[in-house]
């Protein structure tokens, strides 16, 4: 298990990249790979705490459309994941995702 500090340090060291192997080395997700969503929260003592949440499978990329500052439609790529035992795909909900071997 990783500490919240180690996860945030890995994200910072990799310019915001959020997909890692178990050694916190960056990985590029591939279809069919399984990841564990990790959330980092502040505990009652003020320390960063990592909690390992849901297992998800990477299913690919999609485009998401939003409105820009001047009302124009903007498209951006999002990575989609399917929670274990669920047919639907969604974007990830964790601060980081750790590849499962």
PDB file of N, CA and C in Angstrom:
ATOM      1  N   UNK A   1       0.847  -1.176   0.000  1.00  0.00           N
ATOM      2  CA  UNK A   1       0.000   0.000   0.000  1.00  0.00           C
ATOM      3  C   UNK A   1       0.892   1.240   0.000  1.00  0.00           C
ATOM      4  N   UNK A   2       0.433   2.251  -0.683  1.00  0.00           N
ATOM      5  CA  UNK A   2       1.186   3.490  -0.805  1.00  0.00           C
ATOM      6  C   UNK A   2       0.599   4.551   0.116  1.00  0.00           C
ATOM      7  N   UNK A   3       1.435   5.480   0.519  1.00  0.00           N
ATOM      8  CA  UNK A   3       0.943   6.590   1.329  1.00  0.00           C
ATOM      9  C   UNK A   3       0.368   7.659   0.403  1.00  0.00           C
ATOM     10  N   UNK A   4      -0.473   8.498   0.950  1.00  0.00           N
ATOM     11  CA  UNK A   4      -1.014   9.608   0.186  1.00  0.00           C
ATOM     12  C   UNK A   4       0.087  10.530  -0.312  1.00  0.00           C
ATOM     13  N   UNK A   5       1.102  10.749   0.545  1.00  0.00           N
ATOM     14  CA  UNK A   5       2.226  11.598   0.153  1.00  0.00           C
ATOM     15  C   UNK A   5       2.962  11.015  -1.053  1.00  0.00           C
ATOM     16  N   UNK A   6       3.179   9.695  -1.069  1.00  0.00           N
ATOM     17  CA  UNK A   6       3.893   9.052  -2.177  1.00  0.00           C
ATOM     18  C   UNK A   6       3.088   9.150  -3.474  1.00  0.00           C
ATOM     19  N   UNK A   7       1.785   8.997  -3.378  1.00  0.00           N
ATOM     20  CA  UNK A   7       0.939   9.081  -4.569  1.00  0.00           C
ATOM     21  C   UNK A   7       0.945  10.500  -5.123  1.00  0.00           C
ATOM     22  N   UNK A   8       0.772  11.504  -4.263  1.00  0.00           N
ATOM     23  CA  UNK A   8       0.808  12.895  -4.737  1.00  0.00           C
ATOM     24  C   UNK A   8       2.185  13.260  -5.289  1.00  0.00           C
ATOM     25  N   UNK A   9       3.257  12.742  -4.684  1.00  0.00           N
ATOM     26  CA  UNK A   9       4.604  13.010  -5.187  1.00  0.00           C
ATOM     27  C   UNK A   9       4.771  12.409  -6.585  1.00  0.00           C
ATOM     28  N   UNK A  10       4.230  11.196  -6.809  1.00  0.00           N
ATOM     29  CA  UNK A  10       4.325  10.563  -8.127  1.00  0.00           C
ATOM     30  C   UNK A  10       3.531  11.359  -9.169  1.00  0.00           C
ATOM     31  N   UNK A  11       2.363  11.843  -8.791  1.00  0.00           N
ATOM     32  CA  UNK A  11       1.553  12.651  -9.711  1.00  0.00           C
ATOM     33  C   UNK A  11       2.300  13.936 -10.063  1.00  0.00           C
ATOM     34  N   UNK A  12       2.840  14.604  -9.048  1.00  0.00           N
ATOM     35  CA  UNK A  12       3.591  15.849  -9.282  1.00  0.00           C
ATOM     36  C   UNK A  12       4.829  15.608 -10.142  1.00  0.00           C
ATOM     37  N   UNK A  13       5.558  14.533  -9.870  1.00  0.00           N
ATOM     38  CA  UNK A  13       6.793  14.241 -10.599  1.00  0.00           C
ATOM     39  C   UNK A  13       6.526  13.882 -12.054  1.00  0.00           C
ATOM     40  N   UNK A  14       5.296  13.496 -12.370  1.00  0.00           N
ATOM     41  CA  UNK A  14       4.951  13.071 -13.728  1.00  0.00           C
ATOM     42  C   UNK A  14       3.945  14.013 -14.392  1.00  0.00           C
ATOM     43  N   UNK A  15       4.019  15.289 -14.012  1.00  0.00           N
ATOM     44  CA  UNK A  15       3.210  16.340 -14.649  1.00  0.00           C
ATOM     45  C   UNK A  15       1.718  16.044 -14.650  1.00  0.00           C
ATOM     46  N   UNK A  16       1.204  15.527 -13.544  1.00  0.00           N
ATOM     47  CA  UNK A  16      -0.228  15.284 -13.412  1.00  0.00           C
ATOM     48  C   UNK A  16      -0.707  13.939 -13.918  1.00  0.00           C
ATOM     49  N   UNK A  17       0.191  13.119 -14.447  1.00  0.00           N
ATOM     50  CA  UNK A  17      -0.176  11.775 -14.915  1.00  0.00           C
ATOM     51  C   UNK A  17      -0.719  10.983 -13.727  1.00  0.00           C
ATOM     52  N   UNK A  18      -1.791  10.233 -13.919  1.00  0.00           N
ATOM     53  CA  UNK A  18      -2.454   9.563 -12.805  1.00  0.00           C
ATOM     54  C   UNK A  18      -2.530   8.043 -12.896  1.00  0.00           C
ATOM     55  N   UNK A  19      -1.892   7.449 -13.896  1.00  0.00           N
ATOM     56  CA  UNK A  19      -1.918   5.993 -14.048  1.00  0.00           C
ATOM     57  C   UNK A  19      -0.530   5.452 -13.741  1.00  0.00           C
ATOM     58  N   UNK A  20      -0.452   4.504 -12.781  1.00  0.00           N
ATOM     59  CA  UNK A  20       0.837   4.018 -12.304  1.00  0.00           C
ATOM     60  C   UNK A  20       0.831   2.507 -12.135  1.00  0.00           C
ATOM     61  N   UNK A  21       2.052   1.929 -12.151  1.00  0.00           N
ATOM     62  CA  UNK A  21       2.192   0.535 -11.756  1.00  0.00           C
ATOM     63  C   UNK A  21       2.361   0.496 -10.232  1.00  0.00           C
ATOM     64  N   UNK A  22       2.612  -0.682  -9.696  1.00  0.00           N
ATOM     65  CA  UNK A  22       2.702  -0.814  -8.238  1.00  0.00           C
ATOM     66  C   UNK A  22       3.923  -0.122  -7.644  1.00  0.00           C
ATOM     67  N   UNK A  23       4.922   0.205  -8.492  1.00  0.00           N
ATOM     68  CA  UNK A  23       6.106   0.927  -8.026  1.00  0.00           C
ATOM     69  C   UNK A  23       5.959   2.435  -8.235  1.00  0.00           C
ATOM     70  N   UNK A  24       4.756   2.863  -8.571  1.00  0.00           N
ATOM     71  CA  UNK A  24       4.427   4.267  -8.851  1.00  0.00           C
ATOM     72  C   UNK A  24       5.215   4.832 -10.025  1.00  0.00           C
ATOM     73  N   UNK A  25       5.492   3.950 -10.986  1.00  0.00           N
ATOM     74  CA  UNK A  25       6.066   4.371 -12.258  1.00  0.00           C
ATOM     75  C   UNK A  25       4.902   4.578 -13.233  1.00  0.00           C
ATOM     76  N   UNK A  26       4.936   5.634 -14.043  1.00  0.00           N
ATOM     77  CA  UNK A  26       3.801   5.912 -14.930  1.00  0.00           C
ATOM     78  C   UNK A  26       3.598   4.819 -15.980  1.00  0.00           C
ATOM     79  N   UNK A  27       2.349   4.527 -16.261  1.00  0.00           N
ATOM     80  CA  UNK A  27       1.983   3.576 -17.317  1.00  0.00           C
ATOM     81  C   UNK A  27       0.939   4.235 -18.209  1.00  0.00           C
ATOM     82  N   UNK A  28       0.863   3.775 -19.439  1.00  0.00           N
ATOM     83  CA  UNK A  28      -0.171   4.203 -20.371  1.00  0.00           C
ATOM     84  C   UNK A  28      -1.215   3.096 -20.392  1.00  0.00           C
ATOM     85  N   UNK A  29      -2.469   3.388 -20.034  1.00  0.00           N
ATOM     86  CA  UNK A  29      -3.465   2.314 -19.979  1.00  0.00           C
ATOM     87  C   UNK A  29      -3.744   1.708 -21.351  1.00  0.00           C
ATOM     88  N   UNK A  30      -4.000   0.399 -21.358  1.00  0.00           N
ATOM     89  CA  UNK A  30      -4.363  -0.336 -22.562  1.00  0.00           C
ATOM     90  C   UNK A  30      -5.688  -1.036 -22.306  1.00  0.00           C
ATOM     91  N   UNK A  31      -6.470  -1.182 -23.367  1.00  0.00           N
ATOM     92  CA  UNK A  31      -7.771  -1.829 -23.219  1.00  0.00           C
ATOM     93  C   UNK A  31      -7.632  -3.191 -22.558  1.00  0.00           C
ATOM     94  N   UNK A  32      -8.515  -3.451 -21.610  1.00  0.00           N
ATOM     95  CA  UNK A  32      -8.530  -4.720 -20.892  1.00  0.00           C
ATOM     96  C   UNK A  32      -7.725  -4.726 -19.603  1.00  0.00           C
ATOM     97  N   UNK A  33      -6.861  -3.727 -19.399  1.00  0.00           N
ATOM     98  CA  UNK A  33      -6.085  -3.691 -18.159  1.00  0.00           C
ATOM     99  C   UNK A  33      -6.980  -3.285 -16.996  1.00  0.00           C
ATOM    100  N   UNK A  34      -6.681  -3.861 -15.846  1.00  0.00           N
ATOM    101  CA  UNK A  34      -7.454  -3.558 -14.633  1.00  0.00           C
ATOM    102  C   UNK A  34      -6.643  -2.655 -13.719  1.00  0.00           C
ATOM    103  N   UNK A  35      -7.333  -1.679 -13.137  1.00  0.00           N
ATOM    104  CA  UNK A  35      -6.722  -0.710 -12.239  1.00  0.00           C
ATOM    105  C   UNK A  35      -7.539  -0.639 -10.953  1.00  0.00           C
ATOM    106  N   UNK A  36      -6.881  -0.232  -9.895  1.00  0.00           N
ATOM    107  CA  UNK A  36      -7.571   0.061  -8.641  1.00  0.00           C
ATOM    108  C   UNK A  36      -7.589   1.579  -8.487  1.00  0.00           C
ATOM    109  N   UNK A  37      -8.788   2.134  -8.282  1.00  0.00           N
ATOM    110  CA  UNK A  37      -8.910   3.571  -8.055  1.00  0.00           C
ATOM    111  C   UNK A  37      -8.466   3.880  -6.624  1.00  0.00           C
ATOM    112  N   UNK A  38      -7.584   4.862  -6.487  1.00  0.00           N
ATOM    113  CA  UNK A  38      -7.060   5.250  -5.181  1.00  0.00           C
ATOM    114  C   UNK A  38      -7.485   6.684  -4.896  1.00  0.00           C
ATOM    115  N   UNK A  39      -8.064   6.883  -3.730  1.00  0.00           N
ATOM    116  CA  UNK A  39      -8.459   8.219  -3.288  1.00  0.00           C
ATOM    117  C   UNK A  39      -7.513   8.665  -2.184  1.00  0.00           C
ATOM    118  N   UNK A  40      -7.114   9.923  -2.228  1.00  0.00           N
ATOM    119  CA  UNK A  40      -6.251  10.474  -1.188  1.00  0.00           C
ATOM    120  C   UNK A  40      -7.056  11.515  -0.423  1.00  0.00           C
ATOM    121  N   UNK A  41      -7.150  11.326   0.887  1.00  0.00           N
ATOM    122  CA  UNK A  41      -7.898  12.221   1.763  1.00  0.00           C
ATOM    123  C   UNK A  41      -7.017  12.657   2.920  1.00  0.00           C
ATOM    124  N   UNK A  42      -7.424  13.702   3.589  1.00  0.00           N
ATOM    125  CA  UNK A  42      -6.736  14.164   4.791  1.00  0.00           C
ATOM    126  C   UNK A  42      -7.409  13.504   5.990  1.00  0.00           C
ATOM    127  N   UNK A  43      -6.618  12.828   6.842  1.00  0.00           N
ATOM    128  CA  UNK A  43      -7.196  12.180   8.020  1.00  0.00           C
ATOM    129  C   UNK A  43      -7.342  13.182   9.165  1.00  0.00           C
ATOM    130  N   UNK A  44      -7.842  12.726  10.295  1.00  0.00           N
ATOM    131  CA  UNK A  44      -8.130  13.610  11.430  1.00  0.00           C
ATOM    132  C   UNK A  44      -6.879  14.245  12.036  1.00  0.00           C
ATOM    133  N   UNK A  45      -5.694  13.692  11.731  1.00  0.00           N
ATOM    134  CA  UNK A  45      -4.443  14.269  12.224  1.00  0.00           C
ATOM    135  C   UNK A  45      -3.799  15.203  11.196  1.00  0.00           C
ATOM    136  N   UNK A  46      -4.451  15.370  10.045  1.00  0.00           N
ATOM    137  CA  UNK A  46      -3.931  16.244   9.010  1.00  0.00           C
ATOM    138  C   UNK A  46      -2.980  15.573   8.033  1.00  0.00           C
ATOM    139  N   UNK A  47      -2.826  14.255   8.121  1.00  0.00           N
ATOM    140  CA  UNK A  47      -1.955  13.513   7.207  1.00  0.00           C
ATOM    141  C   UNK A  47      -2.751  13.055   5.990  1.00  0.00           C
ATOM    142  N   UNK A  48      -2.047  12.904   4.858  1.00  0.00           N
ATOM    143  CA  UNK A  48      -2.680  12.380   3.655  1.00  0.00           C
ATOM    144  C   UNK A  48      -2.806  10.872   3.775  1.00  0.00           C
ATOM    145  N   UNK A  49      -3.986  10.363   3.544  1.00  0.00           N
ATOM    146  CA  UNK A  49      -4.272   8.927   3.667  1.00  0.00           C
ATOM    147  C   UNK A  49      -4.786   8.416   2.325  1.00  0.00           C
ATOM    148  N   UNK A  50      -4.206   7.343   1.841  1.00  0.00           N
ATOM    149  CA  UNK A  50      -4.657   6.727   0.592  1.00  0.00           C
ATOM    150  C   UNK A  50      -5.624   5.595   0.918  1.00  0.00           C
ATOM    151  N   UNK A  51      -6.750   5.585   0.231  1.00  0.00           N
ATOM    152  CA  UNK A  51      -7.695   4.478   0.391  1.00  0.00           C
ATOM    153  C   UNK A  51      -7.928   3.848  -0.976  1.00  0.00           C
ATOM    154  N   UNK A  52      -7.806   2.540  -1.010  1.00  0.00           N
ATOM    155  CA  UNK A  52      -7.956   1.778  -2.244  1.00  0.00           C
ATOM    156  C   UNK A  52      -9.424   1.410  -2.375  1.00  0.00           C
ATOM    157  N   UNK A  53     -10.027   1.848  -3.469  1.00  0.00           N
ATOM    158  CA  UNK A  53     -11.470   1.737  -3.625  1.00  0.00           C
ATOM    159  C   UNK A  53     -11.860   0.644  -4.612  1.00  0.00           C
ATOM    160  N   UNK A  54     -12.325   1.036  -5.760  1.00  0.00           N
ATOM    161  CA  UNK A  54     -12.954   0.122  -6.702  1.00  0.00           C
ATOM    162  C   UNK A  54     -11.981  -0.386  -7.769  1.00  0.00           C
ATOM    163  N   UNK A  55     -12.155  -1.660  -8.169  1.00  0.00           N
ATOM    164  CA  UNK A  55     -11.423  -2.203  -9.309  1.00  0.00           C
ATOM    165  C   UNK A  55     -12.186  -1.833 -10.571  1.00  0.00           C
ATOM    166  N   UNK A  56     -11.441  -1.303 -11.553  1.00  0.00           N
ATOM    167  CA  UNK A  56     -12.048  -0.903 -12.818  1.00  0.00           C
ATOM    168  C   UNK A  56     -11.214  -1.432 -13.973  1.00  0.00           C
ATOM    169  N   UNK A  57     -11.847  -1.620 -15.128  1.00  0.00           N
ATOM    170  CA  UNK A  57     -11.157  -2.075 -16.324  1.00  0.00           C
ATOM    171  C   UNK A  57     -11.137  -0.949 -17.343  1.00  0.00           C
ATOM    172  N   UNK A  58      -9.972  -0.696 -17.925  1.00  0.00           N
ATOM    173  CA  UNK A  58      -9.844   0.338 -18.951  1.00  0.00           C
ATOM    174  C   UNK A  58     -10.512  -0.156 -20.219  1.00  0.00           C
ATOM    175  N   UNK A  59     -11.457   0.645 -20.773  1.00  0.00           N
ATOM    176  CA  UNK A  59     -12.178   0.232 -21.975  1.00  0.00           C
ATOM    177  C   UNK A  59     -11.895   1.122 -23.179  1.00  0.00           C
ATOM    178  N   UNK A  60     -11.106   2.181 -23.014  1.00  0.00           N
ATOM    179  CA  UNK A  60     -10.734   3.015 -24.151  1.00  0.00           C
ATOM    180  C   UNK A  60     -10.995   4.491 -23.919  1.00  0.00           C
ATOM    181  N   UNK A  61     -10.891   5.254 -25.021  1.00  0.00           N
ATOM    182  CA  UNK A  61     -11.081   6.703 -24.974  1.00  0.00           C
ATOM    183  C   UNK A  61     -12.418   7.086 -25.592  1.00  0.00           C
ATOM    184  N   UNK A  62     -12.898   8.258 -25.214  1.00  0.00           N
ATOM    185  CA  UNK A  62     -14.093   8.837 -25.808  1.00  0.00           C
ATOM    186  C   UNK A  62     -13.921  10.348 -25.797  1.00  0.00           C
ATOM    187  N   UNK A  63     -14.786  11.055 -26.482  1.00  0.00           N
ATOM    188  CA  UNK A  63     -14.764  12.511 -26.449  1.00  0.00           C
ATOM    189  C   UNK A  63     -15.861  13.005 -25.535  1.00  0.00           C
ATOM    190  N   UNK A  64     -15.533  14.019 -24.760  1.00  0.00           N
ATOM    191  CA  UNK A  64     -16.507  14.659 -23.876  1.00  0.00           C
ATOM    192  C   UNK A  64     -16.618  16.111 -24.327  1.00  0.00           C
ATOM    193  N   UNK A  65     -17.838  16.607 -24.415  1.00  0.00           N
ATOM    194  CA  UNK A  65     -18.071  17.968 -24.894  1.00  0.00           C
ATOM    195  C   UNK A  65     -18.502  18.861 -23.746  1.00  0.00           C
ATOM    196  N   UNK A  66     -17.907  20.032 -23.674  1.00  0.00           N
ATOM    197  CA  UNK A  66     -18.244  21.033 -22.658  1.00  0.00           C
ATOM    198  C   UNK A  66     -18.323  22.392 -23.338  1.00  0.00           C
ATOM    199  N   UNK A  67     -18.789  23.375 -22.602  1.00  0.00           N
ATOM    200  CA  UNK A  67     -18.841  24.740 -23.107  1.00  0.00           C
ATOM    201  C   UNK A  67     -17.616  25.506 -22.640  1.00  0.00           C
ATOM    202  N   UNK A  68     -17.011  26.251 -23.545  1.00  0.00           N
ATOM    203  CA  UNK A  68     -15.851  27.071 -23.227  1.00  0.00           C
ATOM    204  C   UNK A  68     -16.273  28.382 -22.594  1.00  0.00           C
ATOM    205  N   UNK A  69     -15.316  29.226 -22.265  1.00  0.00           N
ATOM    206  CA  UNK A  69     -15.604  30.481 -21.566  1.00  0.00           C
ATOM    207  C   UNK A  69     -16.465  31.449 -22.373  1.00  0.00           C
ATOM    208  N   UNK A  70     -16.456  31.321 -23.692  1.00  0.00           N
ATOM    209  CA  UNK A  70     -17.263  32.202 -24.538  1.00  0.00           C
ATOM    210  C   UNK A  70     -18.490  31.491 -25.099  1.00  0.00           C
ATOM    211  N   UNK A  71     -18.852  30.371 -24.511  1.00  0.00           N
ATOM    212  CA  UNK A  71     -20.031  29.625 -24.938  1.00  0.00           C
ATOM    213  C   UNK A  71     -19.788  28.672 -26.087  1.00  0.00           C
ATOM    214  N   UNK A  72     -18.559  28.585 -26.576  1.00  0.00           N
ATOM    215  CA  UNK A  72     -18.259  27.672 -27.677  1.00  0.00           C
ATOM    216  C   UNK A  72     -18.181  26.238 -27.157  1.00  0.00           C
ATOM    217  N   UNK A  73     -18.516  25.304 -28.037  1.00  0.00           N
ATOM    218  CA  UNK A  73     -18.429  23.888 -27.686  1.00  0.00           C
ATOM    219  C   UNK A  73     -16.982  23.432 -27.822  1.00  0.00           C
ATOM    220  N   UNK A  74     -16.497  22.765 -26.779  1.00  0.00           N
ATOM    221  CA  UNK A  74     -15.124  22.269 -26.762  1.00  0.00           C
ATOM    222  C   UNK A  74     -15.151  20.761 -26.537  1.00  0.00           C
ATOM    223  N   UNK A  75     -14.285  20.046 -27.255  1.00  0.00           N
ATOM    224  CA  UNK A  75     -14.170  18.593 -27.090  1.00  0.00           C
ATOM    225  C   UNK A  75     -12.839  18.271 -26.427  1.00  0.00           C
ATOM    226  N   UNK A  76     -12.856  17.251 -25.568  1.00  0.00           N
ATOM    227  CA  UNK A  76     -11.613  16.759 -24.981  1.00  0.00           C
ATOM    228  C   UNK A  76     -11.715  15.254 -24.842  1.00  0.00           C
ATOM    229  N   UNK A  77     -10.559  14.607 -24.901  1.00  0.00           N
ATOM    230  CA  UNK A  77     -10.511  13.148 -24.764  1.00  0.00           C
ATOM    231  C   UNK A  77     -10.598  12.768 -23.285  1.00  0.00           C
ATOM    232  N   UNK A  78     -11.372  11.736 -22.999  1.00  0.00           N
ATOM    233  CA  UNK A  78     -11.455  11.197 -21.644  1.00  0.00           C
ATOM    234  C   UNK A  78     -11.224   9.685 -21.716  1.00  0.00           C
ATOM    235  N   UNK A  79     -10.567   9.165 -20.694  1.00  0.00           N
ATOM    236  CA  UNK A  79     -10.377   7.721 -20.578  1.00  0.00           C
ATOM    237  C   UNK A  79     -11.592   7.130 -19.889  1.00  0.00           C
ATOM    238  N   UNK A  80     -12.070   5.998 -20.396  1.00  0.00           N
ATOM    239  CA  UNK A  80     -13.258   5.353 -19.837  1.00  0.00           C
ATOM    240  C   UNK A  80     -12.889   4.050 -19.143  1.00  0.00           C
ATOM    241  N   UNK A  81     -13.557   3.809 -18.034  1.00  0.00           N
ATOM    242  CA  UNK A  81     -13.342   2.616 -17.220  1.00  0.00           C
ATOM    243  C   UNK A  81     -14.681   1.993 -16.889  1.00  0.00           C
ATOM    244  N   UNK A  82     -14.703   0.672 -16.791  1.00  0.00           N
ATOM    245  CA  UNK A  82     -15.897  -0.056 -16.388  1.00  0.00           C
ATOM    246  C   UNK A  82     -15.639  -0.673 -15.018  1.00  0.00           C
ATOM    247  N   UNK A  83     -16.468  -0.331 -14.027  1.00  0.00           N
ATOM    248  CA  UNK A  83     -16.309  -0.958 -12.714  1.00  0.00           C
ATOM    249  C   UNK A  83     -16.524  -2.464 -12.806  1.00  0.00           C
ATOM    250  N   UNK A  84     -15.850  -3.197 -11.944  1.00  0.00           N
ATOM    251  CA  UNK A  84     -15.970  -4.654 -11.938  1.00  0.00           C
ATOM    252  C   UNK A  84     -17.432  -5.057 -11.754  1.00  0.00           C
ATOM    253  N   UNK A  85     -17.912  -5.926 -12.646  1.00  0.00           N
ATOM    254  CA  UNK A  85     -19.283  -6.410 -12.570  1.00  0.00           C
ATOM    255  C   UNK A  85     -20.314  -5.440 -13.118  1.00  0.00           C
ATOM    256  N   UNK A  86     -19.880  -4.380 -13.791  1.00  0.00           N
ATOM    257  CA  UNK A  86     -20.794  -3.381 -14.331  1.00  0.00           C
ATOM    258  C   UNK A  86     -20.563  -3.281 -15.828  1.00  0.00           C
ATOM    259  N   UNK A  87     -21.623  -3.176 -16.593  1.00  0.00           N
ATOM    260  CA  UNK A  87     -21.519  -3.089 -18.047  1.00  0.00           C
ATOM    261  C   UNK A  87     -21.239  -1.662 -18.520  1.00  0.00           C
ATOM    262  N   UNK A  88     -21.555  -0.649 -17.710  1.00  0.00           N
ATOM    263  CA  UNK A  88     -21.407   0.736 -18.125  1.00  0.00           C
ATOM    264  C   UNK A  88     -19.987   1.249 -17.963  1.00  0.00           C
ATOM    265  N   UNK A  89     -19.609   2.180 -18.830  1.00  0.00           N
ATOM    266  CA  UNK A  89     -18.291   2.793 -18.747  1.00  0.00           C
ATOM    267  C   UNK A  89     -18.425   4.217 -18.225  1.00  0.00           C
ATOM    268  N   UNK A  90     -17.399   4.681 -17.526  1.00  0.00           N
ATOM    269  CA  UNK A  90     -17.384   6.027 -16.953  1.00  0.00           C
ATOM    270  C   UNK A  90     -15.947   6.496 -16.862  1.00  0.00           C
ATOM    271  N   UNK A  91     -15.755   7.790 -16.607  1.00  0.00           N
ATOM    272  CA  UNK A  91     -14.395   8.266 -16.364  1.00  0.00           C
ATOM    273  C   UNK A  91     -13.999   7.852 -14.945  1.00  0.00           C
ATOM    274  N   UNK A  92     -12.702   7.864 -14.676  1.00  0.00           N
ATOM    275  CA  UNK A  92     -12.250   7.381 -13.369  1.00  0.00           C
ATOM    276  C   UNK A  92     -12.654   8.345 -12.257  1.00  0.00           C
ATOM    277  N   UNK A  93     -12.726   7.829 -11.048  1.00  0.00           N
ATOM    278  CA  UNK A  93     -13.138   8.619  -9.886  1.00  0.00           C
ATOM    279  C   UNK A  93     -12.055   8.711  -8.830  1.00  0.00           C
ATOM    280  N   UNK A  94     -10.888   8.215  -9.117  1.00  0.00           N
ATOM    281  CA  UNK A  94      -9.821   8.229  -8.129  1.00  0.00           C
ATOM    282  C   UNK A  94      -8.813   9.337  -8.392  1.00  0.00           C
ATOM    283  N   UNK A  95      -8.010   9.653  -7.369  1.00  0.00           N
ATOM    284  CA  UNK A  95      -6.912  10.592  -7.538  1.00  0.00           C
ATOM    285  C   UNK A  95      -5.817   9.970  -8.385  1.00  0.00           C
ATOM    286  N   UNK A  96      -5.660   8.655  -8.274  1.00  0.00           N
ATOM    287  CA  UNK A  96      -4.688   7.905  -9.068  1.00  0.00           C
ATOM    288  C   UNK A  96      -5.262   6.528  -9.327  1.00  0.00           C
ATOM    289  N   UNK A  97      -4.718   5.852 -10.334  1.00  0.00           N
ATOM    290  CA  UNK A  97      -5.111   4.496 -10.636  1.00  0.00           C
ATOM    291  C   UNK A  97      -3.868   3.630 -10.670  1.00  0.00           C
ATOM    292  N   UNK A  98      -3.911   2.519  -9.932  1.00  0.00           N
ATOM    293  CA  UNK A  98      -2.767   1.611  -9.821  1.00  0.00           C
ATOM    294  C   UNK A  98      -3.073   0.354 -10.626  1.00  0.00           C
ATOM    295  N   UNK A  99      -2.182   0.055 -11.591  1.00  0.00           N
ATOM    296  CA  UNK A  99      -2.337  -1.116 -12.446  1.00  0.00           C
ATOM    297  C   UNK A  99      -2.270  -2.379 -11.605  1.00  0.00           C
ATOM    298  N   UNK A 100      -3.197  -3.299 -11.854  1.00  0.00           N
ATOM    299  CA  UNK A 100      -3.217  -4.577 -11.156  1.00  0.00           C
ATOM    300  C   UNK A 100      -2.590  -5.638 -12.047  1.00  0.00           C
ATOM    301  N   UNK A 101      -1.689  -6.441 -11.476  1.00  0.00           N
ATOM    302  CA  UNK A 101      -1.017  -7.466 -12.292  1.00  0.00           C
ATOM    303  C   UNK A 101      -1.735  -8.781 -12.224  1.00  0.00           C
TER     304      UNK A 101
END
